[in-house]
Amino acid sequence: MTSVTRFLLDRASEPRLETPAPPRQIIDVAFQCAARAPDHALLRPWRYLVVEGDARHALGELFARACNDNASEQELEKARRAPLRAPMVIVGIATPKSHPKVPEVEQLMSAAAGMSFLGLALRDAGYGVMWRTGGVAYHPEVLDGLGLEPGESVVGFLYTGKVSANKPPVPRPDTGDFVKVWRGPGCQESW
């Protein structure tokens, strides 16, 4: 087994993150890795926003405004504190372009692959990451507040920082639970 395979098998989301955030030189390399995501026709259908420092409070206010009208003060406060769970939040944005041979869904998958590569690169540099979405990723007020253009969408919020506490390992599924051998139309066999 190669070190890359071992690295991937050990990958985990880390919900407990603290300062420091990754420095600029680490983030730059991680973004270079994100730009290596599969990208049919080299459309580069993604962009990123880095949120840190006091801007995390502004992001929390956007999250609170995305809560429904019946939200309790406790729910609003939870939304406000969400971006403070890490010293840095990277917003992944899908920016699909019109192309005769590359449907939008392929471009969204490219943006998602870029987020995954970004997270793996940060983890390799010694930082923890947690990819989050939820209703705030799709709420028009959040999209507008982040400056998204029509047709753009949030792929996710990648929280990053130093891991503050180890968590127990997450059980992983058996490959036989999600892999079959296809032998032709209507014929699938167990892996």
C-alpha atoms as a PDB file:
ATOM      1  CA  MET A   1       0.000   0.000   0.000  1.00  0.00           C
ATOM      2  CA  THR A   2       1.420   3.398  -0.940  1.00  0.00           C
ATOM      3  CA  SER A   3       1.597   6.362   1.385  1.00  0.00           C
ATOM      4  CA  VAL A   4      -1.060   8.092  -0.763  1.00  0.00           C
ATOM      5  CA  THR A   5      -3.493   5.203  -0.278  1.00  0.00           C
ATOM      6  CA  ARG A   6      -2.811   5.115   3.481  1.00  0.00           C
ATOM      7  CA  PHE A   7      -3.332   8.887   3.611  1.00  0.00           C
ATOM      8  CA  LEU A   8      -6.715   8.577   1.868  1.00  0.00           C
ATOM      9  CA  LEU A   9      -7.813   5.683   4.071  1.00  0.00           C
ATOM     10  CA  ASP A  10      -6.988   7.754   7.164  1.00  0.00           C
ATOM     11  CA  ARG A  11      -8.827  10.873   5.937  1.00  0.00           C
ATOM     12  CA  ALA A  12     -11.445  12.183   8.363  1.00  0.00           C
ATOM     13  CA  SER A  13     -13.494  15.307   8.947  1.00  0.00           C
ATOM     14  CA  GLU A  14     -12.322  17.200  12.005  1.00  0.00           C
ATOM     15  CA  PRO A  15     -15.012  19.171  13.842  1.00  0.00           C
ATOM     16  CA  ARG A  16     -12.745  20.538  16.607  1.00  0.00           C
ATOM     17  CA  LEU A  17     -10.451  23.166  15.122  1.00  0.00           C
ATOM     18  CA  GLU A  18      -8.477  26.002  16.681  1.00  0.00           C
ATOM     19  CA  THR A  19      -5.853  28.585  15.817  1.00  0.00           C
ATOM     20  CA  PRO A  20      -3.627  28.903  14.009  1.00  0.00           C
ATOM     21  CA  ALA A  21      -5.177  28.965  10.580  1.00  0.00           C
ATOM     22  CA  PRO A  22      -2.960  27.741   7.764  1.00  0.00           C
ATOM     23  CA  PRO A  23      -0.525  30.468   6.660  1.00  0.00           C
ATOM     24  CA  ARG A  24      -0.712  32.059   3.216  1.00  0.00           C
ATOM     25  CA  GLN A  25       2.031  29.883   1.690  1.00  0.00           C
ATOM     26  CA  ILE A  26       0.208  26.681   2.746  1.00  0.00           C
ATOM     27  CA  ILE A  27      -3.126  28.017   1.462  1.00  0.00           C
ATOM     28  CA  ASP A  28      -1.535  28.972  -1.867  1.00  0.00           C
ATOM     29  CA  VAL A  29      -0.240  25.429  -2.381  1.00  0.00           C
ATOM     30  CA  ALA A  30      -3.627  23.998  -1.336  1.00  0.00           C
ATOM     31  CA  PHE A  31      -5.363  26.199  -3.928  1.00  0.00           C
ATOM     32  CA  GLN A  32      -2.874  25.008  -6.551  1.00  0.00           C
ATOM     33  CA  CYS A  33      -3.934  21.453  -5.657  1.00  0.00           C
ATOM     34  CA  ALA A  34      -7.612  22.429  -5.938  1.00  0.00           C
ATOM     35  CA  ALA A  35      -6.913  23.750  -9.439  1.00  0.00           C
ATOM     36  CA  ARG A  36      -5.759  20.234 -10.431  1.00  0.00           C
ATOM     37  CA  ALA A  37      -9.326  18.908 -10.158  1.00  0.00           C
ATOM     38  CA  PRO A  38     -10.652  17.204 -13.303  1.00  0.00           C
ATOM     39  CA  ASP A  39     -11.894  20.023 -15.526  1.00  0.00           C
ATOM     40  CA  HIS A  40     -13.364  19.065 -18.924  1.00  0.00           C
ATOM     41  CA  ALA A  41     -12.483  21.774 -21.483  1.00  0.00           C
ATOM     42  CA  LEU A  42     -10.423  23.690 -18.876  1.00  0.00           C
ATOM     43  CA  LEU A  43     -13.361  25.900 -17.936  1.00  0.00           C
ATOM     44  CA  ARG A  44     -12.155  26.371 -14.350  1.00  0.00           C
ATOM     45  CA  PRO A  45     -15.724  26.429 -13.052  1.00  0.00           C
ATOM     46  CA  TRP A  46     -14.821  27.341  -9.486  1.00  0.00           C
ATOM     47  CA  ARG A  47     -13.579  30.092  -7.258  1.00  0.00           C
ATOM     48  CA  TYR A  48     -12.963  30.474  -3.524  1.00  0.00           C
ATOM     49  CA  LEU A  49     -13.402  33.038  -0.771  1.00  0.00           C
ATOM     50  CA  VAL A  50     -11.140  32.959   2.314  1.00  0.00           C
ATOM     51  CA  VAL A  51     -12.896  34.115   5.485  1.00  0.00           C
ATOM     52  CA  GLU A  52     -10.884  34.698   8.646  1.00  0.00           C
ATOM     53  CA  GLY A  53     -10.619  37.099  11.569  1.00  0.00           C
ATOM     54  CA  ASP A  54     -13.572  39.429  12.087  1.00  0.00           C
ATOM     55  CA  ALA A  55     -15.015  38.488   8.695  1.00  0.00           C
ATOM     56  CA  ARG A  56     -16.128  35.224  10.359  1.00  0.00           C
ATOM     57  CA  HIS A  57     -18.496  37.307  12.519  1.00  0.00           C
ATOM     58  CA  ALA A  58     -19.945  38.921   9.380  1.00  0.00           C
ATOM     59  CA  LEU A  59     -20.413  35.447   7.888  1.00  0.00           C
ATOM     60  CA  GLY A  60     -22.170  34.391  11.092  1.00  0.00           C
ATOM     61  CA  GLU A  61     -24.567  37.331  10.714  1.00  0.00           C
ATOM     62  CA  LEU A  62     -25.349  36.154   7.176  1.00  0.00           C
ATOM     63  CA  PHE A  63     -26.006  32.662   8.556  1.00  0.00           C
ATOM     64  CA  ALA A  64     -28.347  34.124  11.205  1.00  0.00           C
ATOM     65  CA  ARG A  65     -30.280  36.039   8.543  1.00  0.00           C
ATOM     66  CA  ALA A  66     -30.756  32.741   6.711  1.00  0.00           C
ATOM     67  CA  CYS A  67     -32.641  31.289   9.687  1.00  0.00           C
ATOM     68  CA  ASN A  68     -36.396  31.081   9.339  1.00  0.00           C
ATOM     69  CA  ASP A  69     -38.637  33.761  10.849  1.00  0.00           C
ATOM     70  CA  ASN A  70     -39.589  31.487  13.746  1.00  0.00           C
ATOM     71  CA  ALA A  71     -35.990  30.829  14.828  1.00  0.00           C
ATOM     72  CA  SER A  72     -35.361  31.170  18.541  1.00  0.00           C
ATOM     73  CA  GLU A  73     -32.645  33.436  19.893  1.00  0.00           C
ATOM     74  CA  GLN A  74     -30.674  30.280  20.706  1.00  0.00           C
ATOM     75  CA  GLU A  75     -30.896  29.117  17.061  1.00  0.00           C
ATOM     76  CA  LEU A  76     -29.863  32.555  15.820  1.00  0.00           C
ATOM     77  CA  GLU A  77     -26.884  32.616  18.189  1.00  0.00           C
ATOM     78  CA  LYS A  78     -25.848  29.130  17.055  1.00  0.00           C
ATOM     79  CA  ALA A  79     -25.918  30.333  13.435  1.00  0.00           C
ATOM     80  CA  ARG A  80     -23.863  33.407  14.370  1.00  0.00           C
ATOM     81  CA  ARG A  81     -21.236  31.272  16.119  1.00  0.00           C
ATOM     82  CA  ALA A  82     -20.981  28.633  13.367  1.00  0.00           C
ATOM     83  CA  PRO A  83     -18.093  30.293  11.449  1.00  0.00           C
ATOM     84  CA  LEU A  84     -16.194  30.730  14.719  1.00  0.00           C
ATOM     85  CA  ARG A  85     -15.700  26.955  14.992  1.00  0.00           C
ATOM     86  CA  ALA A  86     -12.440  27.365  13.062  1.00  0.00           C
ATOM     87  CA  PRO A  87      -9.941  30.163  12.527  1.00  0.00           C
ATOM     88  CA  MET A  88     -10.532  30.052   8.763  1.00  0.00           C
ATOM     89  CA  VAL A  89     -13.486  29.199   6.548  1.00  0.00           C
ATOM     90  CA  ILE A  90     -12.971  28.724   2.818  1.00  0.00           C
ATOM     91  CA  VAL A  91     -16.096  29.108   0.710  1.00  0.00           C
ATOM     92  CA  GLY A  92     -16.043  26.960  -2.419  1.00  0.00           C
ATOM     93  CA  ILE A  93     -18.118  28.422  -5.236  1.00  0.00           C
ATOM     94  CA  ALA A  94     -19.156  26.682  -8.449  1.00  0.00           C
ATOM     95  CA  THR A  95     -19.045  29.046 -11.423  1.00  0.00           C
ATOM     96  CA  PRO A  96     -20.443  27.045 -14.347  1.00  0.00           C
ATOM     97  CA  LYS A  97     -19.986  28.407 -17.848  1.00  0.00           C
ATOM     98  CA  SER A  98     -22.082  27.756 -20.910  1.00  0.00           C
ATOM     99  CA  HIS A  99     -20.348  25.162 -23.076  1.00  0.00           C
ATOM    100  CA  PRO A 100     -21.759  22.921 -25.842  1.00  0.00           C
ATOM    101  CA  LYS A 101     -19.855  19.821 -24.691  1.00  0.00           C
ATOM    102  CA  VAL A 102     -19.622  20.287 -20.907  1.00  0.00           C
ATOM    103  CA  PRO A 103     -22.928  20.156 -19.042  1.00  0.00           C
ATOM    104  CA  GLU A 104     -23.319  22.123 -15.830  1.00  0.00           C
ATOM    105  CA  VAL A 105     -23.366  18.961 -13.719  1.00  0.00           C
ATOM    106  CA  GLU A 106     -19.783  18.138 -14.838  1.00  0.00           C
ATOM    107  CA  GLN A 107     -18.705  21.618 -13.841  1.00  0.00           C
ATOM    108  CA  LEU A 108     -20.337  21.260 -10.413  1.00  0.00           C
ATOM    109  CA  MET A 109     -18.499  17.964  -9.946  1.00  0.00           C
ATOM    110  CA  SER A 110     -15.244  19.687 -10.893  1.00  0.00           C
ATOM    111  CA  ALA A 111     -15.860  22.346  -8.237  1.00  0.00           C
ATOM    112  CA  ALA A 112     -16.621  19.631  -5.666  1.00  0.00           C
ATOM    113  CA  ALA A 113     -13.462  17.724  -6.616  1.00  0.00           C
ATOM    114  CA  GLY A 114     -11.494  20.937  -6.163  1.00  0.00           C
ATOM    115  CA  MET A 115     -12.909  21.314  -2.647  1.00  0.00           C
ATOM    116  CA  SER A 116     -11.894  17.749  -1.884  1.00  0.00           C
ATOM    117  CA  PHE A 117      -8.361  18.287  -3.210  1.00  0.00           C
ATOM    118  CA  LEU A 118      -8.139  21.511  -1.191  1.00  0.00           C
ATOM    119  CA  GLY A 119      -9.125  19.666   1.982  1.00  0.00           C
ATOM    120  CA  LEU A 120      -6.655  16.858   1.321  1.00  0.00           C
ATOM    121  CA  ALA A 121      -3.819  19.306   0.713  1.00  0.00           C
ATOM    122  CA  LEU A 122      -4.572  21.160   3.951  1.00  0.00           C
ATOM    123  CA  ARG A 123      -4.681  17.875   5.844  1.00  0.00           C
ATOM    124  CA  ASP A 124      -1.357  16.862   4.319  1.00  0.00           C
ATOM    125  CA  ALA A 125       0.093  20.165   5.588  1.00  0.00           C
ATOM    126  CA  GLY A 126      -0.990  19.246   9.135  1.00  0.00           C
ATOM    127  CA  TYR A 127      -4.324  21.067   9.375  1.00  0.00           C
ATOM    128  CA  GLY A 128      -7.740  19.644  10.064  1.00  0.00           C
ATOM    129  CA  VAL A 129     -10.720  20.335   7.831  1.00  0.00           C
ATOM    130  CA  MET A 130     -14.480  19.977   7.995  1.00  0.00           C
ATOM    131  CA  TRP A 131     -16.560  20.430   4.828  1.00  0.00           C
ATOM    132  CA  ARG A 132     -19.982  21.808   5.771  1.00  0.00           C
ATOM    133  CA  THR A 133     -23.063  22.847   3.828  1.00  0.00           C
ATOM    134  CA  GLY A 134     -26.585  22.947   5.283  1.00  0.00           C
ATOM    135  CA  GLY A 135     -29.354  25.352   4.411  1.00  0.00           C
ATOM    136  CA  VAL A 136     -27.045  28.362   4.574  1.00  0.00           C
ATOM    137  CA  ALA A 137     -25.179  27.088   1.501  1.00  0.00           C
ATOM    138  CA  TYR A 138     -28.337  27.531  -0.576  1.00  0.00           C
ATOM    139  CA  HIS A 139     -30.038  30.525   1.046  1.00  0.00           C
ATOM    140  CA  PRO A 140     -30.406  33.538  -1.295  1.00  0.00           C
ATOM    141  CA  GLU A 141     -29.422  36.033   1.436  1.00  0.00           C
ATOM    142  CA  VAL A 142     -26.153  34.170   2.090  1.00  0.00           C
ATOM    143  CA  LEU A 143     -25.417  33.851  -1.635  1.00  0.00           C
ATOM    144  CA  ASP A 144     -26.075  37.557  -2.132  1.00  0.00           C
ATOM    145  CA  GLY A 145     -24.015  38.529   0.920  1.00  0.00           C
ATOM    146  CA  LEU A 146     -21.083  36.484  -0.377  1.00  0.00           C
ATOM    147  CA  GLY A 147     -21.319  38.267  -3.732  1.00  0.00           C
ATOM    148  CA  LEU A 148     -22.325  35.294  -5.863  1.00  0.00           C
ATOM    149  CA  GLU A 149     -23.351  36.040  -9.414  1.00  0.00           C
ATOM    150  CA  PRO A 150     -26.487  34.558 -11.024  1.00  0.00           C
ATOM    151  CA  GLY A 151     -25.840  30.897 -11.835  1.00  0.00           C
ATOM    152  CA  GLU A 152     -23.132  30.486  -9.187  1.00  0.00           C
ATOM    153  CA  SER A 153     -23.642  28.258  -6.140  1.00  0.00           C
ATOM    154  CA  VAL A 154     -21.868  27.405  -2.909  1.00  0.00           C
ATOM    155  CA  VAL A 155     -20.222  23.981  -3.040  1.00  0.00           C
ATOM    156  CA  GLY A 156     -19.433  24.138   0.655  1.00  0.00           C
ATOM    157  CA  PHE A 157     -17.766  25.835   3.565  1.00  0.00           C
ATOM    158  CA  LEU A 158     -14.387  24.274   4.348  1.00  0.00           C
ATOM    159  CA  TYR A 159     -13.520  24.979   7.987  1.00  0.00           C
ATOM    160  CA  THR A 160      -9.797  24.654   8.715  1.00  0.00           C
ATOM    161  CA  GLY A 161      -7.297  25.075  11.523  1.00  0.00           C
ATOM    162  CA  LYS A 162      -5.223  22.975  13.885  1.00  0.00           C
ATOM    163  CA  VAL A 163      -7.045  19.928  15.283  1.00  0.00           C
ATOM    164  CA  SER A 164      -7.786  20.635  18.937  1.00  0.00           C
ATOM    165  CA  ALA A 165      -8.949  17.158  19.992  1.00  0.00           C
ATOM    166  CA  ASN A 166      -8.788  13.736  18.438  1.00  0.00           C
ATOM    167  CA  LYS A 167     -12.108  12.117  17.698  1.00  0.00           C
ATOM    168  CA  PRO A 168     -12.843   8.410  17.600  1.00  0.00           C
ATOM    169  CA  PRO A 169     -12.505   6.745  14.183  1.00  0.00           C
ATOM    170  CA  VAL A 170     -15.616   6.689  12.041  1.00  0.00           C
ATOM    171  CA  PRO A 171     -16.723   3.218  10.935  1.00  0.00           C
ATOM    172  CA  ARG A 172     -16.289   2.793   7.196  1.00  0.00           C
ATOM    173  CA  PRO A 173     -18.580   0.722   4.975  1.00  0.00           C
ATOM    174  CA  ASP A 174     -17.517  -2.580   3.493  1.00  0.00           C
ATOM    175  CA  THR A 175     -16.834  -2.236  -0.244  1.00  0.00           C
ATOM    176  CA  GLY A 176     -19.364  -5.018  -0.901  1.00  0.00           C
ATOM    177  CA  ASP A 177     -22.055  -2.680   0.466  1.00  0.00           C
ATOM    178  CA  PHE A 178     -21.628  -0.177  -2.370  1.00  0.00           C
ATOM    179  CA  VAL A 179     -19.789  -1.958  -5.217  1.00  0.00           C
ATOM    180  CA  LYS A 180     -21.299  -4.416  -7.710  1.00  0.00           C
ATOM    181  CA  VAL A 181     -19.920  -6.022 -10.873  1.00  0.00           C
ATOM    182  CA  TRP A 182     -21.943  -5.104 -13.954  1.00  0.00           C
ATOM    183  CA  ARG A 183     -22.198  -7.935 -16.505  1.00  0.00           C
ATOM    184  CA  GLY A 184     -24.616  -6.255 -18.885  1.00  0.00           C
ATOM    185  CA  PRO A 185     -28.138  -4.771 -18.847  1.00  0.00           C
ATOM    186  CA  GLY A 186     -30.033  -6.087 -15.858  1.00  0.00           C
ATOM    187  CA  CYS A 187     -27.138  -8.191 -14.602  1.00  0.00           C
ATOM    188  CA  GLN A 188     -25.228  -7.109 -11.503  1.00  0.00           C
ATOM    189  CA  GLU A 189     -23.331  -9.388  -9.180  1.00  0.00           C
ATOM    190  CA  SER A 190     -21.858  -8.977  -5.740  1.00  0.00           C
ATOM    191  CA  TRP A 191     -18.374  -7.658  -5.488  1.00  0.00           C
END
